[in-house]
């Protein structure tokens, strides 16, 4: 029955997606509308290899992480790989008495050189890391570098030398070897003079000039370029865009320059876009007196003609729903910190995601094996994104809490809790139990309705997937720098008293 209902659901979901949700940026008529992606893919760096474009983004403490996307036309993107399956460089990534919220992998540089892909990033606690792969799909090999580089921009010069641009407010150039180990000093080449916070540097060599493509960060961020005939300067600076018009392009900044196969120039930057996070934006670039000016007449575009890449490609959309019928998780999923692989399974009960309790804790934020996914806003962001999950809770133990969360700071969740062999529906807002209802059922449906426009997330439950009842109060979502990623949908199961219980999630659907 599940396969039949799954097929029916997929057909209805596709219909909804095309005609109602309309969350892709491709308008189907030769134009696109920003945001490029309606979800949290911040700090983008983008390269072209042949006829394929690759984008790497920040995922911080989510693993598998360091998400790489691919596209053939800069508008329609899809998952390519999560380059780091897990991060075993501190017990904090196992939520072992500490955490890495607001830390972990930061703005990453991606390059392709001599048949090899490179990624370079820093974590504020553990330092610098290089990843290499023969193909962007992986597998990726990770190396812990002896020196870290803040917001690094990796650059392979045409004379065989390798450099990294780095820094916050003060930008330096460091020569490194092929293993990205420093062979020269950090040479200060420019001090930001518009305001504090010059960062996010990427390096290009175009028509004999070295360009340092940087941002002055913040919600009203601005994009600038520094240029020089010498990698070590002196550099002159040009403001490329500073769009402070309230709305979809407010504070557009930090990203990459890209040239298409046909010679067009584009840039992908990001915009702080509310509690769902930081959304990428695709903007045209024209060269004026040797400077890559962004947008049209100093303003970022919202709807614009698609890049000319020499041919047309189909509209793509990202997976969001999951029936858990596969033997591995889809690339849209990532665990909150490293998972305990022995405490979850897609094979012990085929067609279900089983979450065993992995840790004993009273703090949801420290509960291991919380599975997360980015929410996608709709084009009309006042319409909430609705996520529903079906759970079999018949194998819980006393003290277990399992359910569906919206997580940032603050967070909230709706869950089933077992106490003295009885089950209750809980609504918890940032650690405080707001409401509790006794329930006598082994199959429970939990739902959240989250709006990026209003910042509100509400919670509902059902025993038949038809009649849903509201519970608790609205979560007022925020984008807090304490977490530094967009709000996430979460599936979880943790123990407050004893291990050994488990729940089976039949499906997770975004409608």
Protein backbone atom coordinates (compact mmCIF):
# COMPACT_ATOMS: atom_id res chain seq x y z
CA UNK A 1 0.00 0.00 0.00
CA UNK A 2 2.84 2.37 0.77
CA UNK A 3 4.24 2.14 -2.77
CA UNK A 4 0.81 2.94 -4.28
CA UNK A 5 0.19 5.83 -1.92
CA UNK A 6 3.72 7.03 -2.52
CA UNK A 7 3.12 7.15 -6.26
CA UNK A 8 -0.13 9.05 -5.77
CA UNK A 9 1.60 11.45 -3.40
CA UNK A 10 4.49 12.06 -5.78
CA UNK A 11 2.11 12.89 -8.63
CA UNK A 12 0.11 15.27 -6.46
CA UNK A 13 3.29 16.78 -5.04
CA UNK A 14 4.71 17.42 -8.51
CA UNK A 15 1.42 19.05 -9.50
CA UNK A 16 1.48 21.23 -6.43
CA UNK A 17 5.13 22.08 -7.00
CA UNK A 18 4.63 23.26 -10.58
CA UNK A 19 1.33 25.06 -10.21
CA UNK A 20 1.18 26.18 -6.60
CA UNK A 21 4.51 26.25 -4.82
CA UNK A 22 6.51 27.71 -7.76
CA UNK A 23 9.65 27.82 -5.67
CA UNK A 24 12.18 27.51 -8.49
CA UNK A 25 13.54 30.72 -9.97
CA UNK A 26 13.14 29.68 -13.62
CA UNK A 27 10.02 31.28 -15.07
CA UNK A 28 9.96 28.97 -18.09
CA UNK A 29 9.92 31.84 -20.56
CA UNK A 30 13.60 32.70 -20.86
CA UNK A 31 13.67 34.71 -17.62
CA UNK A 32 14.32 33.96 -13.97
CA UNK A 33 13.30 35.66 -10.74
CA UNK A 34 15.49 36.05 -7.66
CA UNK A 35 16.11 34.65 -5.17
CA UNK A 36 18.00 32.10 -7.21
CA UNK A 37 17.30 29.46 -4.55
CA UNK A 38 14.60 29.97 -1.93
CA UNK A 39 16.63 28.47 0.92
CA UNK A 40 19.73 28.81 3.07
CA UNK A 41 22.76 28.43 0.80
CA UNK A 42 25.05 31.20 2.08
CA UNK A 43 28.59 32.32 1.25
CA UNK A 44 28.51 30.95 -2.29
CA UNK A 45 31.61 30.35 -4.36
CA UNK A 46 31.05 29.23 -7.94
CA UNK A 47 33.23 27.89 -10.76
CA UNK A 48 32.61 26.57 -14.25
CA UNK A 49 34.26 23.36 -15.47
CA UNK A 50 33.37 22.74 -19.10
CA UNK A 51 29.61 23.22 -19.37
CA UNK A 52 28.90 22.57 -15.69
CA UNK A 53 28.80 25.12 -12.88
CA UNK A 54 29.57 24.14 -9.30
CA UNK A 55 28.58 26.08 -6.19
CA UNK A 56 29.85 25.44 -2.65
CA UNK A 57 28.08 26.89 0.39
CA UNK A 58 28.36 27.06 4.16
CA UNK A 59 26.77 24.40 6.38
CA UNK A 60 28.80 24.93 9.59
CA UNK A 61 27.86 22.18 12.09
CA UNK A 62 25.59 20.10 9.82
CA UNK A 63 26.98 16.80 8.51
CA UNK A 64 27.08 15.45 5.89
CA UNK A 65 27.89 19.03 5.00
CA UNK A 66 29.91 21.44 2.88
CA UNK A 67 27.18 21.17 0.26
CA UNK A 68 28.10 21.36 -3.42
CA UNK A 69 25.45 22.13 -6.02
CA UNK A 70 25.71 21.84 -9.80
CA UNK A 71 23.98 23.54 -12.73
CA UNK A 72 24.25 23.83 -16.50
CA UNK A 73 22.74 27.31 -16.83
CA UNK A 74 23.32 29.12 -13.49
CA UNK A 75 19.56 29.18 -12.84
CA UNK A 76 18.52 25.57 -12.26
CA UNK A 77 20.57 23.93 -9.55
CA UNK A 78 20.63 20.44 -8.03
CA UNK A 79 22.55 18.62 -5.33
CA UNK A 80 25.95 17.30 -6.40
CA UNK A 81 27.54 16.15 -3.13
CA UNK A 82 28.05 16.83 0.54
CA UNK A 83 31.83 16.90 0.59
CA UNK A 84 32.32 16.20 4.32
CA UNK A 85 30.35 13.16 5.58
CA UNK A 86 31.37 13.82 9.17
CA UNK A 87 33.92 15.99 10.96
CA UNK A 88 36.07 14.12 13.46
CA UNK A 89 38.38 16.88 14.64
CA UNK A 90 36.81 17.65 18.03
CA UNK A 91 34.51 15.90 20.48
CA UNK A 92 32.29 18.99 20.20
CA UNK A 93 31.13 17.77 16.79
CA UNK A 94 29.76 14.70 18.62
CA UNK A 95 27.88 16.96 21.08
CA UNK A 96 30.10 15.42 23.74
CA UNK A 97 29.79 18.05 26.47
CA UNK A 98 30.15 20.93 23.99
CA UNK A 99 28.91 22.03 20.58
CA UNK A 100 29.85 24.03 17.52
CA UNK A 101 26.72 26.12 17.01
CA UNK A 102 27.67 29.28 15.14
CA UNK A 103 31.02 27.67 14.31
CA UNK A 104 32.23 24.81 12.14
CA UNK A 105 32.85 25.13 8.39
CA UNK A 106 32.79 28.71 7.15
CA UNK A 107 32.91 30.36 3.73
CA UNK A 108 34.65 27.93 1.37
CA UNK A 109 36.71 28.48 -1.75
CA UNK A 110 36.28 26.05 -4.67
CA UNK A 111 38.72 25.68 -7.56
CA UNK A 112 39.48 23.24 -10.37
CA UNK A 113 43.15 22.91 -11.32
CA UNK A 114 45.02 20.34 -13.40
CA UNK A 115 42.14 17.88 -13.36
CA UNK A 116 41.47 18.12 -9.63
CA UNK A 117 38.82 19.87 -7.55
CA UNK A 118 39.90 21.78 -4.45
CA UNK A 119 37.95 23.07 -1.47
CA UNK A 120 39.49 25.30 1.19
CA UNK A 121 37.77 26.42 4.38
CA UNK A 122 38.41 27.36 7.98
CA UNK A 123 36.73 26.50 11.24
CA UNK A 124 37.28 29.07 13.96
CA UNK A 125 38.23 26.40 16.49
CA UNK A 126 40.09 23.75 14.51
CA UNK A 127 41.83 25.76 11.78
CA UNK A 128 42.21 25.26 8.05
CA UNK A 129 41.13 22.33 5.89
CA UNK A 130 41.76 21.34 2.28
CA UNK A 131 39.64 18.84 0.39
CA UNK A 132 40.51 17.33 -2.98
CA UNK A 133 38.61 15.12 -5.41
CA UNK A 134 38.86 13.94 -9.00
CA UNK A 135 35.20 14.79 -9.52
CA UNK A 136 32.85 17.09 -7.67
CA UNK A 137 30.58 14.18 -6.78
CA UNK A 138 33.41 12.87 -4.62
CA UNK A 139 34.76 11.06 -2.79
CA UNK A 140 36.60 13.96 -1.22
CA UNK A 141 39.84 13.60 0.74
CA UNK A 142 40.22 15.98 3.68
CA UNK A 143 43.52 17.32 5.02
CA UNK A 144 43.93 19.32 8.23
CA UNK A 145 46.28 22.18 7.35
CA UNK A 146 48.93 23.51 9.73
CA UNK A 147 47.59 27.02 9.18
CA UNK A 148 44.08 28.35 8.77
CA UNK A 149 43.00 31.20 6.49
CA UNK A 150 39.96 33.33 7.35
CA UNK A 151 37.38 33.49 4.53
CA UNK A 152 39.97 32.09 2.13
CA UNK A 153 40.15 32.71 -1.59
CA UNK A 154 42.31 30.07 -3.29
CA UNK A 155 44.06 31.08 -6.51
CA UNK A 156 46.27 29.16 -8.95
CA UNK A 157 48.26 31.66 -11.00
CA UNK A 158 49.27 31.00 -14.59
CA UNK A 159 52.98 30.94 -13.66
CA UNK A 160 52.45 27.89 -11.42
CA UNK A 161 52.40 29.76 -8.13
CA UNK A 162 49.54 29.30 -5.67
CA UNK A 163 48.13 32.00 -3.40
CA UNK A 164 45.44 32.40 -0.76
CA UNK A 165 43.72 35.71 -0.06
CA UNK A 166 42.35 35.97 3.46
CA UNK A 167 41.35 38.25 6.27
CA UNK A 168 38.76 40.40 8.01
CA UNK A 169 39.07 44.18 7.48
CA UNK A 170 42.74 43.64 6.62
CA UNK A 171 43.23 41.48 3.52
CA UNK A 172 46.45 39.54 3.12
CA UNK A 173 47.98 37.36 0.40
CA UNK A 174 49.88 34.20 1.35
CA UNK A 175 51.87 32.09 -1.07
CA UNK A 176 51.35 28.36 -0.52
CA UNK A 177 52.56 25.14 -2.12
CA UNK A 178 50.44 22.57 -3.97
CA UNK A 179 49.40 21.14 -0.58
CA UNK A 180 48.20 24.62 0.47
CA UNK A 181 50.87 24.88 3.14
CA UNK A 182 52.26 28.41 3.50
CA UNK A 183 55.70 28.95 1.95
CA UNK A 184 55.67 32.71 2.44
CA UNK A 185 54.46 35.25 4.96
CA UNK A 186 50.98 36.77 5.21
CA UNK A 187 51.47 39.96 3.22
CA UNK A 188 48.98 42.72 4.02
CA UNK A 189 47.76 44.15 0.71
CA UNK A 190 44.68 46.19 1.64
CA UNK A 191 42.92 47.60 4.68
CA UNK A 192 39.19 48.17 4.24
CA UNK A 193 38.39 51.86 4.38
CA UNK A 194 34.64 52.08 3.70
CA UNK A 195 33.78 50.52 7.04
CA UNK A 196 34.82 47.59 9.22
CA UNK A 197 34.37 44.07 7.94
CA UNK A 198 36.02 43.69 4.54
CA UNK A 199 35.98 39.90 3.99
CA UNK A 200 34.78 36.99 1.84
CA UNK A 201 37.61 37.43 -0.67
CA UNK A 202 37.83 35.48 -3.94
CA UNK A 203 40.68 35.97 -6.42
CA UNK A 204 40.56 36.27 -10.22
CA UNK A 205 43.06 37.22 -12.91
CA UNK A 206 41.34 38.93 -15.84
CA UNK A 207 43.00 40.86 -18.66
CA UNK A 208 46.25 41.24 -16.76
CA UNK A 209 44.66 42.46 -13.51
CA UNK A 210 44.38 40.59 -10.22
CA UNK A 211 40.92 41.15 -8.75
CA UNK A 212 40.08 40.58 -5.10
CA UNK A 213 36.30 40.23 -5.05
CA UNK A 214 35.19 41.10 -1.52
CA UNK A 215 32.30 42.16 0.67
CA UNK A 216 31.81 44.60 3.46
CA UNK A 217 29.49 42.29 5.39
CA UNK A 218 26.32 42.85 7.37
CA UNK A 219 22.63 42.83 6.55
CA UNK A 220 23.18 45.87 4.32
CA UNK A 221 26.31 44.30 2.85
CA UNK A 222 28.04 45.76 -0.18
CA UNK A 223 30.21 44.15 -2.84
CA UNK A 224 33.53 45.64 -3.90
CA UNK A 225 36.51 44.73 -6.03
CA UNK A 226 40.16 45.49 -5.46
CA UNK A 227 42.47 45.37 -8.48
CA UNK A 228 46.18 45.49 -9.15
CA UNK A 229 48.69 44.44 -11.81
CA UNK A 230 50.64 42.67 -9.05
CA UNK A 231 49.25 40.01 -6.70
CA UNK A 232 50.84 41.87 -3.78
CA UNK A 233 49.42 45.25 -4.80
CA UNK A 234 49.09 48.12 -4.49
CA UNK A 235 45.33 47.70 -4.93
CA UNK A 236 42.66 50.23 -5.81
CA UNK A 237 39.05 49.71 -4.72
CA UNK A 238 35.71 50.05 -6.50
CA UNK A 239 32.20 49.77 -5.01
CA UNK A 240 30.31 47.45 -7.36
CA UNK A 241 26.87 47.40 -5.75
CA UNK A 242 25.29 48.69 -2.58
CA UNK A 243 21.58 48.11 -2.94
CA UNK A 244 19.77 49.29 0.19
CA UNK A 245 16.29 49.17 -1.31
CA UNK A 246 14.17 47.28 1.19
CA UNK A 247 13.06 43.96 -0.23
CA UNK A 248 14.40 40.92 -1.99
CA UNK A 249 17.80 42.41 -2.89
CA UNK A 250 18.53 44.34 0.29
CA UNK A 251 22.16 43.96 1.28
CA UNK A 252 23.26 41.80 -1.65
CA UNK A 253 26.88 40.72 -1.20
CA UNK A 254 29.60 38.02 -0.90
CA UNK A 255 30.01 35.55 -3.69
CA UNK A 256 31.67 34.74 -6.96
CA UNK A 257 32.30 36.07 -10.46
CA UNK A 258 31.50 33.66 -13.30
CA UNK A 259 32.01 33.78 -17.07
CA UNK A 260 29.76 31.64 -19.26
CA UNK A 261 30.83 29.64 -22.29
CA UNK A 262 29.44 32.44 -24.48
CA UNK A 263 31.50 35.14 -22.78
CA UNK A 264 28.82 36.65 -20.53
CA UNK A 265 29.72 37.64 -16.99
CA UNK A 266 27.54 37.00 -13.96
CA UNK A 267 27.83 36.97 -10.20
CA UNK A 268 26.11 34.89 -7.53
CA UNK A 269 25.86 36.70 -4.20
CA UNK A 270 23.58 36.18 -1.20
CA UNK A 271 20.98 38.20 0.67
CA UNK A 272 19.97 37.90 4.32
CA UNK A 273 16.40 36.76 3.76
CA UNK A 274 14.76 36.29 7.14
CA UNK A 275 14.57 33.35 9.53
CA UNK A 276 14.95 30.79 6.71
CA UNK A 277 18.47 32.07 6.19
CA UNK A 278 20.56 33.61 3.44
CA UNK A 279 19.37 33.09 -0.13
CA UNK A 280 21.59 33.18 -3.25
CA UNK A 281 20.92 35.77 -5.95
CA UNK A 282 22.06 35.75 -9.60
CA UNK A 283 23.04 39.12 -11.01
CA UNK A 284 24.34 40.27 -14.39
CA UNK A 285 27.77 41.87 -14.62
CA UNK A 286 29.01 44.38 -17.17
CA UNK A 287 32.59 45.60 -17.39
CA UNK A 288 33.03 49.36 -17.17
CA UNK A 289 36.56 50.78 -17.34
CA UNK A 290 37.94 47.45 -16.21
CA UNK A 291 35.53 47.02 -13.28
CA UNK A 292 32.83 44.29 -12.99
CA UNK A 293 29.75 46.39 -12.25
CA UNK A 294 26.79 44.45 -10.80
CA UNK A 295 23.09 44.68 -11.65
CA UNK A 296 21.45 47.31 -13.81
CA UNK A 297 22.06 51.00 -13.15
CA UNK A 298 23.47 50.25 -9.71
CA UNK A 299 20.48 48.16 -8.62
CA UNK A 300 20.20 44.41 -8.28
CA UNK A 301 17.73 42.75 -10.64
CA UNK A 302 14.73 40.74 -9.49
CA UNK A 303 13.38 39.32 -12.78
CA UNK A 304 15.84 39.18 -15.66
CA UNK A 305 16.76 37.22 -18.77
CA UNK A 306 18.54 33.95 -18.13
CA UNK A 307 22.26 33.57 -18.90
CA UNK A 308 23.17 32.52 -22.42
CA UNK A 309 25.04 29.25 -22.08
CA UNK A 310 24.62 28.14 -25.67
CA UNK A 311 21.61 25.86 -25.21
CA UNK A 312 18.52 25.39 -23.06
CA UNK A 313 18.16 23.11 -20.05
CA UNK A 314 15.12 21.83 -18.15
CA UNK A 315 13.76 23.36 -14.98
CA UNK A 316 15.14 21.70 -11.85
CA UNK A 317 13.82 21.61 -8.32
CA UNK A 318 15.32 20.42 -5.06
CA UNK A 319 14.01 17.33 -3.23
CA UNK A 320 12.28 18.14 0.03
CA UNK A 321 9.89 15.29 0.81
CA UNK A 322 11.19 11.81 1.59
CA UNK A 323 9.37 8.48 1.78
CA UNK A 324 12.47 6.81 3.30
CA UNK A 325 12.22 4.00 0.74
CA UNK A 326 15.90 4.19 -0.19
CA UNK A 327 18.76 2.60 1.75
CA UNK A 328 20.53 5.95 2.09
CA UNK A 329 19.43 9.44 2.99
CA UNK A 330 18.86 12.00 0.27
CA UNK A 331 21.40 14.81 -0.03
CA UNK A 332 18.87 17.33 1.32
CA UNK A 333 19.34 15.83 4.79
CA UNK A 334 22.08 16.60 7.29
CA UNK A 335 22.56 15.70 10.94
CA UNK A 336 22.88 18.30 13.67
CA UNK A 337 26.57 17.68 14.38
CA UNK A 338 28.01 14.20 13.75
CA UNK A 339 25.53 11.33 14.00
CA UNK A 340 26.00 8.09 15.91
CA UNK A 341 25.70 5.71 12.95
CA UNK A 342 24.71 2.80 15.18
CA UNK A 343 21.58 4.59 16.37
CA UNK A 344 19.74 5.18 13.12
CA UNK A 345 18.79 3.00 10.18
CA UNK A 346 16.89 2.88 6.89
CA UNK A 347 17.19 -0.91 6.64
CA UNK A 348 16.06 -2.33 9.99
CA UNK A 349 12.51 -1.60 8.88
CA UNK A 350 12.56 -1.00 5.12
CA UNK A 351 10.53 2.02 4.10
CA UNK A 352 11.06 3.78 7.44
CA UNK A 353 13.69 5.92 9.10
CA UNK A 354 14.41 4.41 12.50
CA UNK A 355 15.82 6.72 15.16
CA UNK A 356 17.04 5.00 18.30
CA UNK A 357 17.71 7.16 21.33
CA UNK A 358 21.43 7.96 21.17
CA UNK A 359 22.00 10.10 24.25
CA UNK A 360 20.36 10.92 27.56
CA UNK A 361 19.81 14.66 27.88
CA UNK A 362 17.22 17.18 29.00
CA UNK A 363 18.41 19.69 26.41
CA UNK A 364 17.06 19.28 22.87
CA UNK A 365 20.02 21.26 21.55
CA UNK A 366 22.38 18.56 22.82
CA UNK A 367 20.31 15.64 21.52
CA UNK A 368 22.38 13.59 19.12
CA UNK A 369 21.03 12.21 15.83
CA UNK A 370 18.68 15.09 15.15
CA UNK A 371 18.12 14.98 11.40
CA UNK A 372 17.74 18.38 9.71
CA UNK A 373 16.63 19.84 6.39
CA UNK A 374 16.52 23.38 5.03
CA UNK A 375 12.99 24.76 4.62
CA UNK A 376 12.32 26.32 1.23
CA UNK A 377 10.23 29.46 1.09
CA UNK A 378 7.61 29.92 -1.57
CA UNK A 379 7.79 32.75 -4.06
CA UNK A 380 4.88 34.27 -2.15
CA UNK A 381 6.63 34.01 1.17
CA UNK A 382 3.51 34.93 3.11
CA UNK A 383 2.24 31.41 2.31
CA UNK A 384 3.71 29.09 4.95
CA UNK A 385 5.85 26.10 4.12
CA UNK A 386 4.04 23.04 5.51
CA UNK A 387 6.03 20.02 6.68
CA UNK A 388 4.31 16.86 7.95
CA UNK A 389 5.72 13.57 9.24
CA UNK A 390 4.17 10.21 10.07
CA UNK A 391 5.58 8.38 13.13
CA UNK A 392 5.21 4.94 14.67
CA UNK A 393 5.76 5.56 18.39
CA UNK A 394 4.94 2.09 19.73
CA UNK A 395 8.51 1.32 20.79
CA UNK A 396 9.31 4.33 22.95
CA UNK A 397 10.51 4.06 26.53
CA UNK A 398 9.57 6.21 29.49
CA UNK A 399 11.21 9.61 29.23
CA UNK A 400 11.66 9.48 25.44
CA UNK A 401 10.72 12.54 23.40
CA UNK A 402 10.40 12.25 19.62
CA UNK A 403 8.96 14.53 17.00
CA UNK A 404 9.28 17.45 14.61
CA UNK A 405 11.13 20.68 15.35
CA UNK A 406 11.88 24.07 13.86
CA UNK A 407 15.39 24.80 15.05
CA UNK A 408 17.40 27.96 15.46
CA UNK A 409 17.61 30.26 18.49
CA UNK A 410 14.86 30.20 19.65
CA UNK A 411 13.54 26.78 18.64
CA UNK A 412 10.26 24.94 19.12
CA UNK A 413 8.92 21.46 18.55
CA UNK A 414 5.88 19.23 18.63
CA UNK A 415 6.59 15.77 19.97
CA UNK A 416 5.36 12.59 21.55
CA UNK A 417 6.59 11.96 25.07
CA UNK A 418 6.17 8.69 26.92
CA UNK A 419 5.75 8.88 30.69
CA UNK A 420 4.70 5.96 32.91
CA UNK A 421 3.82 3.98 29.78
CA UNK A 422 1.38 6.71 28.65
CA UNK A 423 1.91 8.98 25.68
CA UNK A 424 1.42 12.72 25.46
CA UNK A 425 1.65 15.29 22.68
CA UNK A 426 3.94 18.13 23.76
CA UNK A 427 4.47 21.55 22.29
CA UNK A 428 7.75 23.02 23.55
CA UNK A 429 8.92 26.55 22.84
CA UNK A 430 12.62 27.12 23.50
CA UNK A 431 12.76 24.56 26.31
CA UNK A 432 9.45 25.46 27.94
CA UNK A 433 6.50 23.06 27.76
CA UNK A 434 3.63 25.19 26.46
CA UNK A 435 0.97 22.50 26.14
CA UNK A 436 0.53 18.77 26.74
CA UNK A 437 -2.30 16.48 25.60
CA UNK A 438 -2.69 12.78 26.47
CA UNK A 439 -3.07 10.55 23.43
CA UNK A 440 -3.78 6.87 22.90
CA UNK A 441 -2.35 5.93 19.50
CA UNK A 442 0.74 4.26 18.10
CA UNK A 443 0.66 6.19 14.80
CA UNK A 444 0.94 9.96 15.04
CA UNK A 445 1.12 12.70 12.41
CA UNK A 446 2.95 15.90 13.32
CA UNK A 447 2.93 19.09 11.29
CA UNK A 448 4.50 22.52 11.30
CA UNK A 449 3.50 25.55 9.22
CA UNK A 450 6.41 27.98 8.96
CA UNK A 451 6.35 31.36 7.19
CA UNK A 452 9.57 33.15 6.27
CA UNK A 453 7.59 36.37 5.79
CA UNK A 454 5.81 36.48 9.15
CA UNK A 455 8.56 34.61 11.05
CA UNK A 456 5.85 32.47 12.63
CA UNK A 457 5.81 28.68 12.91
CA UNK A 458 2.77 26.88 14.29
CA UNK A 459 2.32 23.21 15.20
CA UNK A 460 -0.44 20.61 14.75
CA UNK A 461 -1.03 16.90 15.31
CA UNK A 462 -3.38 14.21 14.03
CA UNK A 463 -4.09 10.49 14.40
CA UNK A 464 -5.57 10.05 10.90
CA UNK A 465 -3.70 12.58 8.70
CA UNK A 466 -7.04 14.27 8.00
CA UNK A 467 -8.10 16.12 11.11
CA UNK A 468 -5.28 18.19 12.55
CA UNK A 469 -5.45 19.98 15.89
CA UNK A 470 -3.39 23.01 16.81
CA UNK A 471 -1.35 22.90 19.98
CA UNK A 472 0.70 25.38 21.94
CA UNK A 473 1.71 28.74 20.55
CA UNK A 474 3.52 30.20 17.57
CA UNK A 475 7.28 30.12 17.48
CA UNK A 476 8.65 33.52 16.49
CA UNK A 477 11.57 32.42 14.37
CA UNK A 478 14.80 34.41 14.27
CA UNK A 479 18.10 34.24 12.45
CA UNK A 480 20.47 34.40 15.39
CA UNK A 481 24.23 34.55 15.00
CA UNK A 482 24.45 32.13 17.95
CA UNK A 483 23.45 29.43 15.45
CA UNK A 484 24.34 31.27 12.20
CA UNK A 485 22.36 29.02 9.85
CA UNK A 486 18.76 29.37 8.75
CA UNK A 487 15.99 27.69 10.71
CA UNK A 488 15.85 23.96 10.03
CA UNK A 489 13.10 21.35 10.02
CA UNK A 490 14.19 18.52 12.33
CA UNK A 491 13.21 14.92 13.03
CA UNK A 492 14.43 13.72 16.41
CA UNK A 493 14.20 11.16 19.19
CA UNK A 494 16.07 11.56 22.46
CA UNK A 495 15.96 9.99 25.89
CA UNK A 496 15.70 11.86 29.17
CA UNK A 497 15.89 8.73 31.38
CA UNK A 498 17.16 5.60 29.61
CA UNK A 499 18.35 4.44 26.21
CA UNK A 500 16.82 1.62 24.24
CA UNK A 501 13.65 3.13 22.77
CA UNK A 502 13.12 3.94 19.12
CA UNK A 503 10.62 5.49 16.75
CA UNK A 504 10.03 4.83 13.06
CA UNK A 505 9.36 7.75 10.71
CA UNK A 506 7.33 6.52 7.73
CA UNK A 507 7.71 9.69 5.70
CA UNK A 508 8.41 13.42 5.75
CA UNK A 509 6.45 15.54 3.28
CA UNK A 510 6.64 19.18 2.38
CA UNK A 511 3.35 20.20 0.78
